[in-house]
Amino acid sequence: MIVQLLAMTSTNPDAESALNKYLSVVGPPLMELAGAKAISRFELSDKIVGANEFHFVTLIERPDEASVGRALDSKEYKSLEEVKKLAFSKYQVNAIVST
């Protein structure tokens, strides 16, 4: 069954090289390997209610739950832990459940 993920992020403006490194691994190479695709990406602008913690929201589709685990457990993704800490001030990924 297809799994949809919502990635919510805020980037560190002084860490462009770390962000580029992260995207060079997680972007097409790892996404294609996991059979995933980014469905849409939005930049958040005006806060209406609540905290303005995240600047970007990306909807990602994966073929099944196993592909999510394979991607997160891959050596490529795990090798980015320090890079991710530099590149992002906020980083959260959630599974979307249809109700």
Protein backbone atom coordinates (compact mmCIF):
# COMPACT_ATOMS: atom_id res chain seq x y z
CA MET A 1 0.00 0.00 0.00
CA ILE A 2 1.32 3.46 -0.92
CA VAL A 3 2.61 5.48 2.04
CA GLN A 4 2.57 9.27 2.05
CA LEU A 5 4.99 11.25 4.19
CA LEU A 6 4.95 14.90 5.11
CA ALA A 7 8.42 16.41 5.58
CA MET A 8 8.45 19.73 7.42
CA THR A 9 11.75 21.57 7.53
CA SER A 10 13.48 24.85 8.20
CA THR A 11 16.94 25.32 6.77
CA ASN A 12 19.90 27.04 8.38
CA PRO A 13 20.69 30.03 6.15
CA ASP A 14 24.41 29.82 6.96
CA ALA A 15 24.72 26.16 6.02
CA GLU A 16 24.09 26.09 2.28
CA SER A 17 26.93 23.63 1.63
CA ALA A 18 25.50 21.19 4.21
CA LEU A 19 22.05 21.50 2.63
CA ASN A 20 23.49 20.86 -0.84
CA LYS A 21 25.32 17.78 0.46
CA TYR A 22 22.13 16.48 2.09
CA LEU A 23 20.05 17.04 -1.05
CA SER A 24 22.69 15.44 -3.28
CA VAL A 25 22.25 12.18 -1.36
CA VAL A 26 18.59 12.24 -0.32
CA GLY A 27 17.36 13.88 -3.53
CA PRO A 28 17.17 11.79 -6.67
CA PRO A 29 19.73 9.08 -5.74
CA LEU A 30 18.10 7.84 -2.51
CA MET A 31 14.55 8.71 -3.58
CA GLU A 32 14.86 6.66 -6.78
CA LEU A 33 16.51 3.78 -4.95
CA ALA A 34 13.55 3.65 -2.54
CA GLY A 35 10.97 4.07 -5.29
CA ALA A 36 9.88 7.37 -3.75
CA LYS A 37 8.83 10.61 -5.36
CA ALA A 38 8.21 14.11 -4.13
CA ILE A 39 4.59 14.93 -4.98
CA SER A 40 4.67 18.61 -4.05
CA ARG A 41 6.76 21.11 -2.15
CA PHE A 42 5.61 24.34 -0.59
CA GLU A 43 7.33 27.28 1.03
CA LEU A 44 5.31 28.56 3.98
CA SER A 45 4.89 32.30 4.15
CA ASP A 46 2.50 34.22 6.37
CA LYS A 47 1.80 32.67 9.76
CA ILE A 48 -1.91 32.83 10.50
CA VAL A 49 -2.13 30.94 13.81
CA GLY A 50 0.51 29.31 16.02
CA ALA A 51 4.28 29.18 15.86
CA ASN A 52 6.14 29.65 12.61
CA GLU A 53 8.52 26.73 13.14
CA PHE A 54 8.78 25.33 9.62
CA HIS A 55 9.57 27.06 6.34
CA PHE A 56 9.06 24.20 3.89
CA VAL A 57 6.59 21.33 3.55
CA THR A 58 7.15 18.45 1.12
CA LEU A 59 4.69 15.66 0.36
CA ILE A 60 6.52 12.42 -0.47
CA GLU A 61 5.04 9.18 -1.75
CA ARG A 62 6.66 5.79 -1.21
CA PRO A 63 5.46 2.45 -2.59
CA ASP A 64 5.04 0.79 0.83
CA GLU A 65 6.04 0.89 4.51
CA ALA A 66 9.04 -1.35 3.92
CA SER A 67 10.55 1.20 1.53
CA VAL A 68 10.37 3.84 4.26
CA GLY A 69 12.32 1.62 6.64
CA ARG A 70 14.88 0.70 3.98
CA ALA A 71 15.54 4.36 3.21
CA LEU A 72 15.86 5.43 6.85
CA ASP A 73 18.05 2.43 7.68
CA SER A 74 20.29 2.81 4.63
CA LYS A 75 23.96 3.62 5.15
CA GLU A 76 23.56 6.60 2.80
CA TYR A 77 20.85 8.20 4.96
CA LYS A 78 22.54 7.35 8.26
CA SER A 79 25.78 8.89 7.03
CA LEU A 80 24.01 12.27 6.79
CA GLU A 81 23.13 12.66 10.48
CA GLU A 82 25.72 15.38 11.18
CA VAL A 83 25.09 17.07 7.83
CA LYS A 84 21.35 17.12 8.59
CA LYS A 85 21.98 18.79 11.96
CA LEU A 86 23.94 21.54 10.20
CA ALA A 87 21.59 21.96 7.23
CA PHE A 88 18.31 22.17 9.16
CA SER A 89 17.20 24.09 12.22
CA LYS A 90 13.94 22.09 12.24
CA TYR A 91 13.37 18.68 10.66
CA GLN A 92 10.31 16.50 11.07
CA VAL A 93 8.78 13.74 8.94
CA ASN A 94 5.36 12.27 9.60
CA ALA A 95 3.32 9.54 7.95
CA ILE A 96 -0.04 10.71 6.68
CA VAL A 97 -3.06 8.62 7.59
CA SER A 98 -6.25 9.08 5.59
CA THR A 99 -9.35 9.37 7.74
